Amino acid sequence: MMADLEDLRHRSERGQILKALKEDYARAMTSMANLLGVLDAIAIHLDFEGLTFHLKYLAEQGYVQAWHAKDLPGYRRDRRSQGKPDDIRFVRLSAKGLQLLDGRIAEDPMVDF
């Protein structure tokens, strides 16, 4: 029962992430900090690790494009303040993600709107 509730919560959170990114679709990318703030404002309370968990799935499915710290210009491995190389720093809704939101492609059982 608890696993079912957690699965439902995760699917809903992924849907809300995509909806939030749709609002920023015209931008080149959205920072993790901005996305966390938007989600918090609509009562989706995730920390950096929780958001990263969902973004990894969404990126693997092609719904979002993610930029990792190591992919950004100026990233240096010798500076601790820049975080881990695989940390997601920016994200953007992809065309496939927009199609999923608009119901133009088959529903994903791991994402609820």
PDB file of N, CA and C in Angstrom:
ATOM      1  N   MET A   1       0.826  -1.198   0.000  1.00  0.00           N
ATOM      2  CA  MET A   1       0.000   0.000   0.000  1.00  0.00           C
ATOM      3  C   MET A   1       0.871   1.262   0.000  1.00  0.00           C
ATOM      4  N   MET A   2       1.886   1.303   0.873  1.00  0.00           N
ATOM      5  CA  MET A   2       2.762   2.476   0.935  1.00  0.00           C
ATOM      6  C   MET A   2       3.559   2.627  -0.358  1.00  0.00           C
ATOM      7  N   ALA A   3       3.983   1.495  -0.941  1.00  0.00           N
ATOM      8  CA  ALA A   3       4.744   1.543  -2.192  1.00  0.00           C
ATOM      9  C   ALA A   3       3.868   2.111  -3.306  1.00  0.00           C
ATOM     10  N   ASP A   4       2.584   1.766  -3.301  1.00  0.00           N
ATOM     11  CA  ASP A   4       1.663   2.293  -4.309  1.00  0.00           C
ATOM     12  C   ASP A   4       1.491   3.799  -4.162  1.00  0.00           C
ATOM     13  N   LEU A   5       1.390   4.279  -2.931  1.00  0.00           N
ATOM     14  CA  LEU A   5       1.257   5.707  -2.687  1.00  0.00           C
ATOM     15  C   LEU A   5       2.519   6.459  -3.094  1.00  0.00           C
ATOM     16  N   GLU A   6       3.671   5.879  -2.795  1.00  0.00           N
ATOM     17  CA  GLU A   6       4.929   6.511  -3.176  1.00  0.00           C
ATOM     18  C   GLU A   6       5.080   6.552  -4.694  1.00  0.00           C
ATOM     19  N   ASP A   7       4.694   5.474  -5.367  1.00  0.00           N
ATOM     20  CA  ASP A   7       4.751   5.431  -6.831  1.00  0.00           C
ATOM     21  C   ASP A   7       3.825   6.489  -7.427  1.00  0.00           C
ATOM     22  N   LEU A   8       2.639   6.618  -6.876  1.00  0.00           N
ATOM     23  CA  LEU A   8       1.694   7.638  -7.342  1.00  0.00           C
ATOM     24  C   LEU A   8       2.251   9.040  -7.132  1.00  0.00           C
ATOM     25  N   ARG A   9       2.875   9.283  -5.992  1.00  0.00           N
ATOM     26  CA  ARG A   9       3.482  10.580  -5.703  1.00  0.00           C
ATOM     27  C   ARG A   9       4.605  10.879  -6.684  1.00  0.00           C
ATOM     28  N   HIS A  10       5.451   9.898  -6.961  1.00  0.00           N
ATOM     29  CA  HIS A  10       6.555  10.104  -7.906  1.00  0.00           C
ATOM     30  C   HIS A  10       6.032  10.419  -9.311  1.00  0.00           C
ATOM     31  N   ARG A  11       5.006   9.708  -9.749  1.00  0.00           N
ATOM     32  CA  ARG A  11       4.436   9.969 -11.089  1.00  0.00           C
ATOM     33  C   ARG A  11       3.871  11.380 -11.161  1.00  0.00           C
ATOM     34  N   SER A  12       3.194  11.798 -10.107  1.00  0.00           N
ATOM     35  CA  SER A  12       2.623  13.144 -10.059  1.00  0.00           C
ATOM     36  C   SER A  12       3.720  14.207 -10.051  1.00  0.00           C
ATOM     37  N   GLU A  13       4.779  13.982  -9.285  1.00  0.00           N
ATOM     38  CA  GLU A  13       5.886  14.937  -9.233  1.00  0.00           C
ATOM     39  C   GLU A  13       6.526  15.094 -10.611  1.00  0.00           C
ATOM     40  N   ARG A  14       6.709  13.989 -11.330  1.00  0.00           N
ATOM     41  CA  ARG A  14       7.285  14.081 -12.677  1.00  0.00           C
ATOM     42  C   ARG A  14       6.389  14.901 -13.600  1.00  0.00           C
ATOM     43  N   GLY A  15       5.094  14.706 -13.492  1.00  0.00           N
ATOM     44  CA  GLY A  15       4.162  15.486 -14.308  1.00  0.00           C
ATOM     45  C   GLY A  15       4.234  16.966 -13.990  1.00  0.00           C
ATOM     46  N   GLN A  16       4.332  17.300 -12.706  1.00  0.00           N
ATOM     47  CA  GLN A  16       4.420  18.710 -12.307  1.00  0.00           C
ATOM     48  C   GLN A  16       5.742  19.331 -12.763  1.00  0.00           C
ATOM     49  N   ILE A  17       6.810  18.554 -12.776  1.00  0.00           N
ATOM     50  CA  ILE A  17       8.090  19.057 -13.270  1.00  0.00           C
ATOM     51  C   ILE A  17       7.960  19.419 -14.744  1.00  0.00           C
ATOM     52  N   LEU A  18       7.344  18.547 -15.521  1.00  0.00           N
ATOM     53  CA  LEU A  18       7.167  18.833 -16.948  1.00  0.00           C
ATOM     54  C   LEU A  18       6.283  20.055 -17.159  1.00  0.00           C
ATOM     55  N   LYS A  19       5.215  20.171 -16.371  1.00  0.00           N
ATOM     56  CA  LYS A  19       4.343  21.345 -16.489  1.00  0.00           C
ATOM     57  C   LYS A  19       5.096  22.629 -16.161  1.00  0.00           C
ATOM     58  N   ALA A  20       5.926  22.590 -15.125  1.00  0.00           N
ATOM     59  CA  ALA A  20       6.703  23.778 -14.755  1.00  0.00           C
ATOM     60  C   ALA A  20       7.683  24.138 -15.867  1.00  0.00           C
ATOM     61  N   LEU A  21       8.306  23.144 -16.465  1.00  0.00           N
ATOM     62  CA  LEU A  21       9.256  23.415 -17.542  1.00  0.00           C
ATOM     63  C   LEU A  21       8.556  23.926 -18.805  1.00  0.00           C
ATOM     64  N   LYS A  22       7.287  23.557 -18.984  1.00  0.00           N
ATOM     65  CA  LYS A  22       6.539  24.058 -20.142  1.00  0.00           C
ATOM     66  C   LYS A  22       6.397  25.576 -20.060  1.00  0.00           C
ATOM     67  N   GLU A  23       6.245  26.095 -18.847  1.00  0.00           N
ATOM     68  CA  GLU A  23       6.126  27.542 -18.665  1.00  0.00           C
ATOM     69  C   GLU A  23       7.407  28.260 -19.084  1.00  0.00           C
ATOM     70  N   ASP A  24       8.524  27.574 -19.028  1.00  0.00           N
ATOM     71  CA  ASP A  24       9.828  28.143 -19.377  1.00  0.00           C
ATOM     72  C   ASP A  24      10.314  27.664 -20.740  1.00  0.00           C
ATOM     73  N   TYR A  25       9.417  27.116 -21.561  1.00  0.00           N
ATOM     74  CA  TYR A  25       9.820  26.472 -22.811  1.00  0.00           C
ATOM     75  C   TYR A  25      10.547  27.420 -23.767  1.00  0.00           C
ATOM     76  N   ALA A  26      10.233  28.686 -23.737  1.00  0.00           N
ATOM     77  CA  ALA A  26      10.865  29.653 -24.638  1.00  0.00           C
ATOM     78  C   ALA A  26      12.316  29.946 -24.246  1.00  0.00           C
ATOM     79  N   ARG A  27      12.681  29.652 -23.021  1.00  0.00           N
ATOM     80  CA  ARG A  27      14.053  29.900 -22.568  1.00  0.00           C
ATOM     81  C   ARG A  27      14.994  28.807 -23.052  1.00  0.00           C
ATOM     82  N   ALA A  28      16.264  29.156 -23.141  1.00  0.00           N
ATOM     83  CA  ALA A  28      17.270  28.177 -23.562  1.00  0.00           C
ATOM     84  C   ALA A  28      17.424  27.069 -22.527  1.00  0.00           C
ATOM     85  N   MET A  29      17.343  27.421 -21.236  1.00  0.00           N
ATOM     86  CA  MET A  29      17.463  26.434 -20.162  1.00  0.00           C
ATOM     87  C   MET A  29      16.952  27.038 -18.860  1.00  0.00           C
ATOM     88  N   THR A  30      16.646  26.169 -17.909  1.00  0.00           N
ATOM     89  CA  THR A  30      16.162  26.571 -16.595  1.00  0.00           C
ATOM     90  C   THR A  30      17.124  26.014 -15.548  1.00  0.00           C
ATOM     91  N   SER A  31      17.511  26.833 -14.591  1.00  0.00           N
ATOM     92  CA  SER A  31      18.426  26.355 -13.551  1.00  0.00           C
ATOM     93  C   SER A  31      17.675  25.473 -12.555  1.00  0.00           C
ATOM     94  N   MET A  32      18.421  24.623 -11.906  1.00  0.00           N
ATOM     95  CA  MET A  32      17.838  23.750 -10.883  1.00  0.00           C
ATOM     96  C   MET A  32      17.234  24.590  -9.756  1.00  0.00           C
ATOM     97  N   ALA A  33      17.919  25.658  -9.370  1.00  0.00           N
ATOM     98  CA  ALA A  33      17.420  26.506  -8.286  1.00  0.00           C
ATOM     99  C   ALA A  33      16.076  27.121  -8.656  1.00  0.00           C
ATOM    100  N   ASN A  34      15.937  27.614  -9.885  1.00  0.00           N
ATOM    101  CA  ASN A  34      14.666  28.194 -10.311  1.00  0.00           C
ATOM    102  C   ASN A  34      13.563  27.146 -10.348  1.00  0.00           C
ATOM    103  N   LEU A  35      13.884  25.963 -10.861  1.00  0.00           N
ATOM    104  CA  LEU A  35      12.892  24.898 -10.931  1.00  0.00           C
ATOM    105  C   LEU A  35      12.444  24.463  -9.541  1.00  0.00           C
ATOM    106  N   LEU A  36      13.376  24.337  -8.612  1.00  0.00           N
ATOM    107  CA  LEU A  36      13.014  23.985  -7.238  1.00  0.00           C
ATOM    108  C   LEU A  36      12.104  25.047  -6.628  1.00  0.00           C
ATOM    109  N   GLY A  37      12.383  26.316  -6.900  1.00  0.00           N
ATOM    110  CA  GLY A  37      11.551  27.405  -6.388  1.00  0.00           C
ATOM    111  C   GLY A  37      10.144  27.370  -6.950  1.00  0.00           C
ATOM    112  N   VAL A  38      10.021  27.120  -8.232  1.00  0.00           N
ATOM    113  CA  VAL A  38       8.699  27.044  -8.870  1.00  0.00           C
ATOM    114  C   VAL A  38       7.918  25.866  -8.298  1.00  0.00           C
ATOM    115  N   LEU A  39       8.565  24.729  -8.174  1.00  0.00           N
ATOM    116  CA  LEU A  39       7.885  23.554  -7.631  1.00  0.00           C
ATOM    117  C   LEU A  39       7.459  23.783  -6.183  1.00  0.00           C
ATOM    118  N   ASP A  40       8.302  24.430  -5.407  1.00  0.00           N
ATOM    119  CA  ASP A  40       7.965  24.735  -4.017  1.00  0.00           C
ATOM    120  C   ASP A  40       6.738  25.649  -3.950  1.00  0.00           C
ATOM    121  N   ALA A  41       6.650  26.590  -4.879  1.00  0.00           N
ATOM    122  CA  ALA A  41       5.516  27.530  -4.904  1.00  0.00           C
ATOM    123  C   ALA A  41       4.196  26.828  -5.204  1.00  0.00           C
ATOM    124  N   ILE A  42       4.250  25.678  -5.882  1.00  0.00           N
ATOM    125  CA  ILE A  42       3.013  24.945  -6.181  1.00  0.00           C
ATOM    126  C   ILE A  42       2.876  23.702  -5.278  1.00  0.00           C
ATOM    127  N   ALA A  43       3.562  23.753  -4.137  1.00  0.00           N
ATOM    128  CA  ALA A  43       3.462  22.729  -3.090  1.00  0.00           C
ATOM    129  C   ALA A  43       4.023  21.366  -3.493  1.00  0.00           C
ATOM    130  N   ILE A  44       5.036  21.374  -4.367  1.00  0.00           N
ATOM    131  CA  ILE A  44       5.788  20.161  -4.668  1.00  0.00           C
ATOM    132  C   ILE A  44       7.141  20.364  -4.013  1.00  0.00           C
ATOM    133  N   HIS A  45       7.315  19.787  -2.833  1.00  0.00           N
ATOM    134  CA  HIS A  45       8.507  20.033  -2.036  1.00  0.00           C
ATOM    135  C   HIS A  45       9.540  18.934  -2.267  1.00  0.00           C
ATOM    136  N   LEU A  46      10.516  19.264  -3.100  1.00  0.00           N
ATOM    137  CA  LEU A  46      11.607  18.342  -3.410  1.00  0.00           C
ATOM    138  C   LEU A  46      12.924  18.986  -3.028  1.00  0.00           C
ATOM    139  N   ASP A  47      13.874  18.167  -2.642  1.00  0.00           N
ATOM    140  CA  ASP A  47      15.235  18.669  -2.459  1.00  0.00           C
ATOM    141  C   ASP A  47      16.009  18.413  -3.752  1.00  0.00           C
ATOM    142  N   PHE A  48      17.266  18.819  -3.781  1.00  0.00           N
ATOM    143  CA  PHE A  48      18.083  18.682  -4.970  1.00  0.00           C
ATOM    144  C   PHE A  48      18.166  17.213  -5.419  1.00  0.00           C
ATOM    145  N   GLU A  49      18.346  16.305  -4.471  1.00  0.00           N
ATOM    146  CA  GLU A  49      18.468  14.888  -4.800  1.00  0.00           C
ATOM    147  C   GLU A  49      17.161  14.324  -5.354  1.00  0.00           C
ATOM    148  N   GLY A  50      16.041  14.718  -4.772  1.00  0.00           N
ATOM    149  CA  GLY A  50      14.744  14.253  -5.265  1.00  0.00           C
ATOM    150  C   GLY A  50      14.454  14.748  -6.667  1.00  0.00           C
ATOM    151  N   LEU A  51      14.769  16.006  -6.913  1.00  0.00           N
ATOM    152  CA  LEU A  51      14.559  16.557  -8.252  1.00  0.00           C
ATOM    153  C   LEU A  51      15.478  15.868  -9.253  1.00  0.00           C
ATOM    154  N   THR A  52      16.725  15.633  -8.860  1.00  0.00           N
ATOM    155  CA  THR A  52      17.671  14.942  -9.736  1.00  0.00           C
ATOM    156  C   THR A  52      17.173  13.539 -10.072  1.00  0.00           C
ATOM    157  N   PHE A  53      16.622  12.847  -9.096  1.00  0.00           N
ATOM    158  CA  PHE A  53      16.058  11.508  -9.305  1.00  0.00           C
ATOM    159  C   PHE A  53      15.028  11.533 -10.430  1.00  0.00           C
ATOM    160  N   HIS A  54      14.113  12.483 -10.378  1.00  0.00           N
ATOM    161  CA  HIS A  54      13.067  12.573 -11.401  1.00  0.00           C
ATOM    162  C   HIS A  54      13.627  13.034 -12.740  1.00  0.00           C
ATOM    163  N   LEU A  55      14.540  13.989 -12.717  1.00  0.00           N
ATOM    164  CA  LEU A  55      15.098  14.502 -13.972  1.00  0.00           C
ATOM    165  C   LEU A  55      15.902  13.446 -14.716  1.00  0.00           C
ATOM    166  N   LYS A  56      16.559  12.562 -13.989  1.00  0.00           N
ATOM    167  CA  LYS A  56      17.294  11.483 -14.655  1.00  0.00           C
ATOM    168  C   LYS A  56      16.333  10.602 -15.448  1.00  0.00           C
ATOM    169  N   TYR A  57      15.212  10.244 -14.849  1.00  0.00           N
ATOM    170  CA  TYR A  57      14.220   9.438 -15.577  1.00  0.00           C
ATOM    171  C   TYR A  57      13.691  10.211 -16.787  1.00  0.00           C
ATOM    172  N   LEU A  58      13.300  11.452 -16.572  1.00  0.00           N
ATOM    173  CA  LEU A  58      12.734  12.247 -17.657  1.00  0.00           C
ATOM    174  C   LEU A  58      13.735  12.447 -18.792  1.00  0.00           C
ATOM    175  N   ALA A  59      15.010  12.611 -18.465  1.00  0.00           N
ATOM    176  CA  ALA A  59      16.045  12.755 -19.492  1.00  0.00           C
ATOM    177  C   ALA A  59      16.256  11.438 -20.242  1.00  0.00           C
ATOM    178  N   GLU A  60      16.260  10.323 -19.523  1.00  0.00           N
ATOM    179  CA  GLU A  60      16.430   9.018 -20.166  1.00  0.00           C
ATOM    180  C   GLU A  60      15.313   8.735 -21.161  1.00  0.00           C
ATOM    181  N   GLN A  61      14.124   9.236 -20.884  1.00  0.00           N
ATOM    182  CA  GLN A  61      12.986   9.035 -21.778  1.00  0.00           C
ATOM    183  C   GLN A  61      12.943  10.061 -22.915  1.00  0.00           C
ATOM    184  N   GLY A  62      13.799  11.067 -22.831  1.00  0.00           N
ATOM    185  CA  GLY A  62      13.851  12.091 -23.871  1.00  0.00           C
ATOM    186  C   GLY A  62      12.877  13.235 -23.671  1.00  0.00           C
ATOM    187  N   TYR A  63      12.284  13.345 -22.482  1.00  0.00           N
ATOM    188  CA  TYR A  63      11.315  14.410 -22.214  1.00  0.00           C
ATOM    189  C   TYR A  63      11.986  15.726 -21.836  1.00  0.00           C
ATOM    190  N   VAL A  64      13.190  15.659 -21.329  1.00  0.00           N
ATOM    191  CA  VAL A  64      13.948  16.856 -20.973  1.00  0.00           C
ATOM    192  C   VAL A  64      15.384  16.703 -21.443  1.00  0.00           C
ATOM    193  N   GLN A  65      16.025  17.835 -21.620  1.00  0.00           N
ATOM    194  CA  GLN A  65      17.460  17.865 -21.871  1.00  0.00           C
ATOM    195  C   GLN A  65      18.105  18.405 -20.611  1.00  0.00           C
ATOM    196  N   ALA A  66      19.144  17.728 -20.128  1.00  0.00           N
ATOM    197  CA  ALA A  66      19.816  18.140 -18.892  1.00  0.00           C
ATOM    198  C   ALA A  66      21.270  18.470 -19.183  1.00  0.00           C
ATOM    199  N   TRP A  67      21.754  19.536 -18.548  1.00  0.00           N
ATOM    200  CA  TRP A  67      23.162  19.919 -18.627  1.00  0.00           C
ATOM    201  C   TRP A  67      23.785  19.626 -17.276  1.00  0.00           C
ATOM    202  N   HIS A  68      24.849  18.842 -17.283  1.00  0.00           N
ATOM    203  CA  HIS A  68      25.574  18.496 -16.069  1.00  0.00           C
ATOM    204  C   HIS A  68      26.699  19.496 -15.838  1.00  0.00           C
ATOM    205  N   ALA A  69      27.151  19.573 -14.611  1.00  0.00           N
ATOM    206  CA  ALA A  69      28.217  20.517 -14.256  1.00  0.00           C
ATOM    207  C   ALA A  69      29.436  20.340 -15.155  1.00  0.00           C
ATOM    208  N   LYS A  70      29.826  19.101 -15.410  1.00  0.00           N
ATOM    209  CA  LYS A  70      31.023  18.835 -16.213  1.00  0.00           C
ATOM    210  C   LYS A  70      30.886  19.278 -17.663  1.00  0.00           C
ATOM    211  N   ASP A  71      29.640  19.467 -18.135  1.00  0.00           N
ATOM    212  CA  ASP A  71      29.392  19.858 -19.520  1.00  0.00           C
ATOM    213  C   ASP A  71      29.414  21.370 -19.732  1.00  0.00           C
ATOM    214  N   LEU A  72      29.465  22.124 -18.655  1.00  0.00           N
ATOM    215  CA  LEU A  72      29.366  23.579 -18.759  1.00  0.00           C
ATOM    216  C   LEU A  72      30.746  24.210 -18.949  1.00  0.00           C
ATOM    217  N   PRO A  73      30.794  25.289 -19.718  1.00  0.00           N
ATOM    218  CA  PRO A  73      32.084  25.968 -19.901  1.00  0.00           C
ATOM    219  C   PRO A  73      32.632  26.452 -18.565  1.00  0.00           C
ATOM    220  N   GLY A  74      33.914  26.305 -18.399  1.00  0.00           N
ATOM    221  CA  GLY A  74      34.555  26.802 -17.192  1.00  0.00           C
ATOM    222  C   GLY A  74      34.545  25.851 -16.020  1.00  0.00           C
ATOM    223  N   TYR A  75      33.917  24.667 -16.178  1.00  0.00           N
ATOM    224  CA  TYR A  75      33.908  23.722 -15.061  1.00  0.00           C
ATOM    225  C   TYR A  75      35.322  23.194 -14.846  1.00  0.00           C
ATOM    226  N   ARG A  76      35.737  23.212 -13.610  1.00  0.00           N
ATOM    227  CA  ARG A  76      37.065  22.705 -13.263  1.00  0.00           C
ATOM    228  C   ARG A  76      36.940  21.691 -12.143  1.00  0.00           C
ATOM    229  N   ARG A  77      37.516  20.554 -12.334  1.00  0.00           N
ATOM    230  CA  ARG A  77      37.449  19.476 -11.340  1.00  0.00           C
ATOM    231  C   ARG A  77      38.242  19.790 -10.074  1.00  0.00           C
ATOM    232  N   ASP A  78      39.149  20.748 -10.143  1.00  0.00           N
ATOM    233  CA  ASP A  78      39.979  21.057  -8.980  1.00  0.00           C
ATOM    234  C   ASP A  78      39.319  22.047  -8.021  1.00  0.00           C
ATOM    235  N   ARG A  79      38.088  22.452  -8.302  1.00  0.00           N
ATOM    236  CA  ARG A  79      37.371  23.377  -7.410  1.00  0.00           C
ATOM    237  C   ARG A  79      36.182  22.668  -6.781  1.00  0.00           C
ATOM    238  N   ARG A  80      36.223  22.552  -5.482  1.00  0.00           N
ATOM    239  CA  ARG A  80      35.131  21.874  -4.773  1.00  0.00           C
ATOM    240  C   ARG A  80      33.815  22.635  -4.837  1.00  0.00           C
ATOM    241  N   SER A  81      33.878  23.935  -4.941  1.00  0.00           N
ATOM    242  CA  SER A  81      32.663  24.750  -4.908  1.00  0.00           C
ATOM    243  C   SER A  81      31.790  24.552  -6.137  1.00  0.00           C
ATOM    244  N   GLN A  82      32.320  23.890  -7.158  1.00  0.00           N
ATOM    245  CA  GLN A  82      31.537  23.708  -8.373  1.00  0.00           C
ATOM    246  C   GLN A  82      30.706  22.427  -8.354  1.00  0.00           C
ATOM    247  N   GLY A  83      30.734  21.686  -7.282  1.00  0.00           N
ATOM    248  CA  GLY A  83      29.925  20.485  -7.151  1.00  0.00           C
ATOM    249  C   GLY A  83      30.499  19.289  -7.876  1.00  0.00           C
ATOM    250  N   LYS A  84      29.732  18.216  -7.879  1.00  0.00           N
ATOM    251  CA  LYS A  84      30.149  16.982  -8.523  1.00  0.00           C
ATOM    252  C   LYS A  84      29.980  17.110 -10.036  1.00  0.00           C
ATOM    253  N   PRO A  85      30.816  16.454 -10.809  1.00  0.00           N
ATOM    254  CA  PRO A  85      30.738  16.567 -12.270  1.00  0.00           C
ATOM    255  C   PRO A  85      29.383  16.145 -12.846  1.00  0.00           C
ATOM    256  N   ASP A  86      28.736  15.158 -12.223  1.00  0.00           N
ATOM    257  CA  ASP A  86      27.473  14.661 -12.765  1.00  0.00           C
ATOM    258  C   ASP A  86      26.232  15.361 -12.219  1.00  0.00           C
ATOM    259  N   ASP A  87      26.413  16.382 -11.384  1.00  0.00           N
ATOM    260  CA  ASP A  87      25.262  17.153 -10.890  1.00  0.00           C
ATOM    261  C   ASP A  87      24.570  17.845 -12.058  1.00  0.00           C
ATOM    262  N   ILE A  88      23.252  17.753 -12.092  1.00  0.00           N
ATOM    263  CA  ILE A  88      22.484  18.472 -13.108  1.00  0.00           C
ATOM    264  C   ILE A  88      22.397  19.929 -12.677  1.00  0.00           C
ATOM    265  N   ARG A  89      22.755  20.834 -13.551  1.00  0.00           N
ATOM    266  CA  ARG A  89      22.727  22.266 -13.243  1.00  0.00           C
ATOM    267  C   ARG A  89      21.591  22.992 -13.955  1.00  0.00           C
ATOM    268  N   PHE A  90      21.303  22.577 -15.186  1.00  0.00           N
ATOM    269  CA  PHE A  90      20.251  23.210 -15.975  1.00  0.00           C
ATOM    270  C   PHE A  90      19.441  22.137 -16.681  1.00  0.00           C
ATOM    271  N   VAL A  91      18.207  22.479 -17.005  1.00  0.00           N
ATOM    272  CA  VAL A  91      17.315  21.534 -17.677  1.00  0.00           C
ATOM    273  C   VAL A  91      16.387  22.310 -18.599  1.00  0.00           C
ATOM    274  N   ARG A  92      15.869  21.615 -19.606  1.00  0.00           N
ATOM    275  CA  ARG A  92      14.945  22.230 -20.554  1.00  0.00           C
ATOM    276  C   ARG A  92      13.981  21.165 -21.051  1.00  0.00           C
ATOM    277  N   LEU A  93      12.731  21.526 -21.214  1.00  0.00           N
ATOM    278  CA  LEU A  93      11.734  20.626 -21.776  1.00  0.00           C
ATOM    279  C   LEU A  93      12.065  20.383 -23.243  1.00  0.00           C
ATOM    280  N   SER A  94      12.024  19.126 -23.665  1.00  0.00           N
ATOM    281  CA  SER A  94      12.288  18.798 -25.071  1.00  0.00           C
ATOM    282  C   SER A  94      10.978  18.817 -25.857  1.00  0.00           C
ATOM    283  N   ALA A  95      11.097  18.717 -27.164  1.00  0.00           N
ATOM    284  CA  ALA A  95       9.904  18.654 -28.014  1.00  0.00           C
ATOM    285  C   ALA A  95       9.076  17.417 -27.662  1.00  0.00           C
ATOM    286  N   LYS A  96       9.747  16.306 -27.364  1.00  0.00           N
ATOM    287  CA  LYS A  96       9.039  15.079 -26.976  1.00  0.00           C
ATOM    288  C   LYS A  96       8.289  15.285 -25.667  1.00  0.00           C
ATOM    289  N   GLY A  97       8.900  15.998 -24.723  1.00  0.00           N
ATOM    290  CA  GLY A  97       8.222  16.301 -23.466  1.00  0.00           C
ATOM    291  C   GLY A  97       6.993  17.161 -23.672  1.00  0.00           C
ATOM    292  N   LEU A  98       7.095  18.120 -24.582  1.00  0.00           N
ATOM    293  CA  LEU A  98       5.946  18.973 -24.909  1.00  0.00           C
ATOM    294  C   LEU A  98       4.838  18.151 -25.553  1.00  0.00           C
ATOM    295  N   GLN A  99       5.213  17.218 -26.416  1.00  0.00           N
ATOM    296  CA  GLN A  99       4.219  16.347 -27.043  1.00  0.00           C
ATOM    297  C   GLN A  99       3.526  15.471 -26.008  1.00  0.00           C
ATOM    298  N   LEU A 100       4.276  14.980 -25.020  1.00  0.00           N
ATOM    299  CA  LEU A 100       3.674  14.183 -23.946  1.00  0.00           C
ATOM    300  C   LEU A 100       2.670  15.018 -23.160  1.00  0.00           C
ATOM    301  N   LEU A 101       3.053  16.236 -22.831  1.00  0.00           N
ATOM    302  CA  LEU A 101       2.156  17.129 -22.096  1.00  0.00           C
ATOM    303  C   LEU A 101       0.879  17.431 -22.878  1.00  0.00           C
ATOM    304  N   ASP A 102       1.025  17.608 -24.178  1.00  0.00           N
ATOM    305  CA  ASP A 102      -0.119  17.960 -25.030  1.00  0.00           C
ATOM    306  C   ASP A 102      -0.928  16.756 -25.479  1.00  0.00           C
ATOM    307  N   GLY A 103      -0.531  15.554 -25.065  1.00  0.00           N
ATOM    308  CA  GLY A 103      -1.273  14.345 -25.418  1.00  0.00           C
ATOM    309  C   GLY A 103      -1.089  13.912 -26.859  1.00  0.00           C
ATOM    310  N   ARG A 104      -0.013  14.315 -27.482  1.00  0.00           N
ATOM    311  CA  ARG A 104       0.225  13.984 -28.894  1.00  0.00           C
ATOM    312  C   ARG A 104       1.033  12.697 -29.079  1.00  0.00           C
ATOM    313  N   ILE A 105       1.582  12.169 -27.985  1.00  0.00           N
ATOM    314  CA  ILE A 105       2.245  10.867 -28.021  1.00  0.00           C
ATOM    315  C   ILE A 105       1.630  10.012 -26.917  1.00  0.00           C
ATOM    316  N   ALA A 106       1.912   8.725 -26.962  1.00  0.00           N
ATOM    317  CA  ALA A 106       1.340   7.796 -25.984  1.00  0.00           C
ATOM    318  C   ALA A 106       1.704   8.205 -24.556  1.00  0.00           C
ATOM    319  N   GLU A 107       0.778   7.979 -23.648  1.00  0.00           N
ATOM    320  CA  GLU A 107       1.008   8.282 -22.242  1.00  0.00           C
ATOM    321  C   GLU A 107       2.162   7.451 -21.701  1.00  0.00           C
ATOM    322  N   ASP A 108       2.860   8.013 -20.736  1.00  0.00           N
ATOM    323  CA  ASP A 108       3.931   7.313 -20.040  1.00  0.00           C
ATOM    324  C   ASP A 108       3.373   6.879 -18.687  1.00  0.00           C
ATOM    325  N   PRO A 109       3.404   5.586 -18.359  1.00  0.00           N
ATOM    326  CA  PRO A 109       2.833   5.129 -17.085  1.00  0.00           C
ATOM    327  C   PRO A 109       3.603   5.646 -15.861  1.00  0.00           C
ATOM    328  N   MET A 110       4.767   6.241 -16.070  1.00  0.00           N
ATOM    329  CA  MET A 110       5.563   6.757 -14.959  1.00  0.00           C
ATOM    330  C   MET A 110       5.381   8.248 -14.763  1.00  0.00           C
ATOM    331  N   VAL A 111       4.472   8.878 -15.541  1.00  0.00           N
ATOM    332  CA  VAL A 111       4.237  10.330 -15.457  1.00  0.00           C
ATOM    333  C   VAL A 111       2.730  10.557 -15.457  1.00  0.00           C
ATOM    334  N   ASP A 112       2.249  11.278 -14.448  1.00  0.00           N
ATOM    335  CA  ASP A 112       0.818  11.636 -14.368  1.00  0.00           C
ATOM    336  C   ASP A 112       0.659  13.150 -14.422  1.00  0.00           C
ATOM    337  N   PHE A 113      -0.397  13.576 -15.067  1.00  0.00           N
ATOM    338  CA  PHE A 113      -0.712  15.012 -15.138  1.00  0.00           C
ATOM    339  C   PHE A 113      -2.007  15.303 -14.418  1.00  0.00           C
TER     340      PHE A 113
END
